[in-house]
Amino acid sequence: MQTLDAGWDMAAIGEGESTLLSLVDAKGDPAGITGLAYRDAAGAVTRTGKAKQRPLDDFPGFAVTWDRFNALEITRGCVYACP
């Protein structure tokens, strides 16, 4: 995993919306959360399977509180066709 090799602690596999929400609810503990890759204590890469997909309409494209600020724009997937 290039993302982990670059120094990140965790990486989302596939769509990360539900994975991120689950990770926040779990206070950063990746145990039992699908859609993650991370290194265990021995340094081996652990993959937790495919994340649950949610409709993009579940996530508004603006700050609901203020109804005027755009959210951070990201892309889906790797534009370089990384595995």
N, C-alpha and C. Protein backbone atom coordinates (compact mmCIF):
# COMPACT_ATOMS: atom_id res chain seq x y z
N MET A 1 0.83 -1.19 0.00
CA MET A 1 0.00 0.00 0.00
C MET A 1 0.88 1.25 0.00
N GLN A 2 0.80 1.97 -1.07
CA GLN A 2 1.62 3.17 -1.21
C GLN A 2 1.28 4.23 -0.17
N THR A 3 0.01 4.33 0.18
CA THR A 3 -0.40 5.35 1.16
C THR A 3 0.23 5.06 2.51
N LEU A 4 0.20 3.81 2.94
CA LEU A 4 0.81 3.45 4.22
C LEU A 4 2.33 3.59 4.17
N ASP A 5 2.92 3.23 3.03
CA ASP A 5 4.36 3.37 2.86
C ASP A 5 4.79 4.84 2.89
N ALA A 6 3.88 5.73 2.54
CA ALA A 6 4.17 7.17 2.56
C ALA A 6 4.10 7.75 3.97
N GLY A 7 3.73 6.92 4.95
CA GLY A 7 3.73 7.38 6.34
C GLY A 7 2.37 7.55 6.99
N TRP A 8 1.31 7.29 6.26
CA TRP A 8 -0.02 7.41 6.86
C TRP A 8 -0.30 6.24 7.79
N ASP A 9 -1.07 6.48 8.84
CA ASP A 9 -1.42 5.41 9.79
C ASP A 9 -2.49 4.49 9.23
N MET A 10 -3.43 5.05 8.48
CA MET A 10 -4.55 4.29 7.92
C MET A 10 -4.87 4.82 6.55
N ALA A 11 -5.54 3.98 5.76
CA ALA A 11 -6.02 4.41 4.44
C ALA A 11 -7.41 3.81 4.24
N ALA A 12 -8.29 4.59 3.64
CA ALA A 12 -9.61 4.09 3.30
C ALA A 12 -9.50 3.27 2.02
N ILE A 13 -10.22 2.17 1.99
CA ILE A 13 -10.28 1.33 0.79
C ILE A 13 -11.66 1.56 0.18
N GLY A 14 -11.67 1.99 -1.06
CA GLY A 14 -12.96 2.28 -1.72
C GLY A 14 -13.51 3.60 -1.22
N GLU A 15 -14.82 3.68 -1.15
CA GLU A 15 -15.48 4.90 -0.72
C GLU A 15 -15.31 5.06 0.79
N GLY A 16 -14.88 6.23 1.20
CA GLY A 16 -14.53 6.42 2.60
C GLY A 16 -15.55 7.10 3.47
N GLU A 17 -16.71 7.47 2.93
CA GLU A 17 -17.67 8.23 3.73
C GLU A 17 -18.13 7.46 4.97
N SER A 18 -18.65 6.25 4.78
CA SER A 18 -19.15 5.49 5.93
C SER A 18 -17.99 5.02 6.81
N THR A 19 -16.83 4.75 6.19
CA THR A 19 -15.65 4.34 6.95
C THR A 19 -15.22 5.45 7.89
N LEU A 20 -15.15 6.67 7.39
CA LEU A 20 -14.75 7.80 8.22
C LEU A 20 -15.71 8.01 9.38
N LEU A 21 -17.00 7.97 9.11
CA LEU A 21 -17.99 8.15 10.18
C LEU A 21 -17.86 7.06 11.23
N SER A 22 -17.65 5.82 10.80
CA SER A 22 -17.47 4.71 11.75
C SER A 22 -16.20 4.89 12.57
N LEU A 23 -15.14 5.35 11.93
CA LEU A 23 -13.87 5.56 12.62
C LEU A 23 -13.99 6.67 13.67
N VAL A 24 -14.70 7.72 13.35
CA VAL A 24 -14.92 8.80 14.32
C VAL A 24 -15.74 8.28 15.50
N ASP A 25 -16.79 7.52 15.22
CA ASP A 25 -17.61 6.95 16.29
C ASP A 25 -16.80 6.02 17.19
N ALA A 26 -15.81 5.32 16.61
CA ALA A 26 -14.98 4.38 17.36
C ALA A 26 -13.77 5.07 17.99
N LYS A 27 -13.73 6.40 17.93
CA LYS A 27 -12.63 7.19 18.50
C LYS A 27 -11.26 6.75 17.97
N GLY A 28 -11.22 6.42 16.66
CA GLY A 28 -9.96 6.11 16.00
C GLY A 28 -9.52 4.67 16.08
N ASP A 29 -10.27 3.81 16.78
CA ASP A 29 -9.91 2.39 16.89
C ASP A 29 -10.41 1.66 15.65
N PRO A 30 -9.53 1.11 14.82
CA PRO A 30 -9.95 0.50 13.56
C PRO A 30 -10.58 -0.89 13.70
N ALA A 31 -10.56 -1.47 14.89
CA ALA A 31 -11.09 -2.82 15.08
C ALA A 31 -12.57 -2.87 14.70
N GLY A 32 -12.91 -3.77 13.79
CA GLY A 32 -14.30 -3.98 13.41
C GLY A 32 -14.85 -3.01 12.38
N ILE A 33 -14.04 -2.10 11.88
CA ILE A 33 -14.50 -1.13 10.90
C ILE A 33 -14.09 -1.60 9.51
N THR A 34 -15.05 -1.71 8.62
CA THR A 34 -14.75 -2.13 7.26
C THR A 34 -14.26 -0.95 6.43
N GLY A 35 -13.48 -1.26 5.39
CA GLY A 35 -13.03 -0.23 4.47
C GLY A 35 -11.72 0.43 4.85
N LEU A 36 -10.90 -0.25 5.67
CA LEU A 36 -9.63 0.34 6.10
C LEU A 36 -8.45 -0.56 5.76
N ALA A 37 -7.30 0.04 5.62
CA ALA A 37 -6.02 -0.66 5.58
C ALA A 37 -5.12 0.04 6.58
N TYR A 38 -4.41 -0.73 7.39
CA TYR A 38 -3.48 -0.17 8.37
C TYR A 38 -2.44 -1.22 8.72
N ARG A 39 -1.37 -0.79 9.34
CA ARG A 39 -0.33 -1.72 9.77
C ARG A 39 -0.57 -2.11 11.23
N ASP A 40 -0.48 -3.41 11.50
CA ASP A 40 -0.62 -3.87 12.88
C ASP A 40 0.69 -3.64 13.63
N ALA A 41 0.74 -4.08 14.88
CA ALA A 41 1.93 -3.83 15.71
C ALA A 41 3.18 -4.47 15.13
N ALA A 42 3.02 -5.57 14.39
CA ALA A 42 4.18 -6.25 13.79
C ALA A 42 4.58 -5.63 12.45
N GLY A 43 3.79 -4.68 11.95
CA GLY A 43 4.10 -4.02 10.69
C GLY A 43 3.42 -4.63 9.49
N ALA A 44 2.63 -5.68 9.70
CA ALA A 44 1.91 -6.31 8.60
C ALA A 44 0.68 -5.48 8.25
N VAL A 45 0.37 -5.40 6.96
CA VAL A 45 -0.79 -4.64 6.51
C VAL A 45 -2.06 -5.44 6.78
N THR A 46 -3.01 -4.82 7.45
CA THR A 46 -4.31 -5.41 7.71
C THR A 46 -5.34 -4.69 6.86
N ARG A 47 -6.13 -5.44 6.13
CA ARG A 47 -7.23 -4.88 5.33
C ARG A 47 -8.54 -5.39 5.92
N THR A 48 -9.47 -4.51 6.10
CA THR A 48 -10.72 -4.89 6.78
C THR A 48 -11.88 -5.10 5.83
N GLY A 49 -11.61 -5.27 4.56
CA GLY A 49 -12.67 -5.56 3.61
C GLY A 49 -13.26 -4.32 2.99
N LYS A 50 -14.32 -4.53 2.26
CA LYS A 50 -14.97 -3.45 1.52
C LYS A 50 -15.89 -2.64 2.42
N ALA A 51 -15.84 -1.34 2.26
CA ALA A 51 -16.69 -0.45 3.05
C ALA A 51 -18.13 -0.49 2.55
N LYS A 52 -19.04 -0.11 3.43
CA LYS A 52 -20.44 0.04 3.03
C LYS A 52 -20.57 1.28 2.16
N GLN A 53 -21.29 1.16 1.09
CA GLN A 53 -21.50 2.32 0.22
C GLN A 53 -22.73 3.08 0.67
N ARG A 54 -22.61 4.39 0.63
CA ARG A 54 -23.76 5.25 0.95
C ARG A 54 -23.99 6.17 -0.23
N PRO A 55 -25.24 6.56 -0.44
CA PRO A 55 -25.53 7.49 -1.53
C PRO A 55 -24.82 8.83 -1.28
N LEU A 56 -24.27 9.41 -2.34
CA LEU A 56 -23.59 10.70 -2.19
C LEU A 56 -24.54 11.79 -1.71
N ASP A 57 -25.83 11.64 -1.97
CA ASP A 57 -26.79 12.64 -1.54
C ASP A 57 -26.92 12.68 -0.02
N ASP A 58 -26.38 11.68 0.70
CA ASP A 58 -26.36 11.70 2.16
C ASP A 58 -25.41 12.77 2.69
N PHE A 59 -24.51 13.27 1.82
CA PHE A 59 -23.51 14.23 2.22
C PHE A 59 -23.66 15.49 1.39
N PRO A 60 -24.26 16.54 1.96
CA PRO A 60 -24.48 17.76 1.18
C PRO A 60 -23.16 18.39 0.74
N GLY A 61 -23.20 19.09 -0.36
CA GLY A 61 -22.02 19.73 -0.92
C GLY A 61 -21.75 21.10 -0.33
N PHE A 62 -22.36 21.40 0.81
CA PHE A 62 -22.16 22.70 1.45
C PHE A 62 -22.35 22.53 2.94
N ALA A 63 -21.92 23.50 3.71
CA ALA A 63 -22.08 23.45 5.16
C ALA A 63 -23.54 23.73 5.50
N VAL A 64 -24.23 22.74 6.03
CA VAL A 64 -25.65 22.86 6.32
C VAL A 64 -25.91 23.99 7.33
N THR A 65 -25.02 24.14 8.30
CA THR A 65 -25.20 25.16 9.33
C THR A 65 -25.28 26.56 8.74
N TRP A 66 -24.40 26.85 7.78
CA TRP A 66 -24.35 28.21 7.22
C TRP A 66 -25.00 28.30 5.85
N ASP A 67 -25.24 27.19 5.20
CA ASP A 67 -25.90 27.13 3.90
C ASP A 67 -25.21 27.98 2.84
N ARG A 68 -23.87 28.08 2.92
CA ARG A 68 -23.20 28.86 1.89
C ARG A 68 -21.76 28.47 1.61
N PHE A 69 -21.12 27.73 2.48
CA PHE A 69 -19.72 27.37 2.26
C PHE A 69 -19.63 26.00 1.60
N ASN A 70 -18.80 25.89 0.57
CA ASN A 70 -18.60 24.60 -0.07
C ASN A 70 -17.76 23.69 0.82
N ALA A 71 -18.02 22.40 0.70
CA ALA A 71 -17.22 21.42 1.41
C ALA A 71 -15.88 21.26 0.70
N LEU A 72 -14.95 20.62 1.35
CA LEU A 72 -13.66 20.31 0.74
C LEU A 72 -13.90 19.36 -0.43
N GLU A 73 -13.38 19.71 -1.58
CA GLU A 73 -13.55 18.88 -2.77
C GLU A 73 -12.46 17.82 -2.82
N ILE A 74 -12.87 16.59 -3.02
CA ILE A 74 -11.93 15.49 -3.18
C ILE A 74 -12.32 14.70 -4.42
N THR A 75 -11.45 13.84 -4.86
CA THR A 75 -11.78 12.96 -5.98
C THR A 75 -12.02 11.56 -5.45
N ARG A 76 -12.71 10.79 -6.23
CA ARG A 76 -12.94 9.39 -5.87
C ARG A 76 -11.94 8.53 -6.61
N GLY A 77 -11.29 7.66 -5.89
CA GLY A 77 -10.37 6.74 -6.52
C GLY A 77 -9.05 7.42 -6.86
N CYS A 78 -8.17 6.66 -7.38
CA CYS A 78 -6.85 7.15 -7.71
C CYS A 78 -6.78 7.50 -9.19
N VAL A 79 -6.42 8.72 -9.48
CA VAL A 79 -6.32 9.14 -10.88
C VAL A 79 -5.16 8.45 -11.59
N TYR A 80 -4.29 7.81 -10.83
CA TYR A 80 -3.15 7.10 -11.40
C TYR A 80 -3.41 5.59 -11.51
N ALA A 81 -4.63 5.15 -11.28
CA ALA A 81 -5.03 3.74 -11.37
C ALA A 81 -4.23 2.87 -10.40
N CYS A 82 -3.99 3.37 -9.19
CA CYS A 82 -3.27 2.57 -8.20
C CYS A 82 -4.12 1.37 -7.79
N PRO A 83 -3.49 0.23 -7.49
CA PRO A 83 -4.26 -0.96 -7.08
C PRO A 83 -4.83 -0.80 -5.69
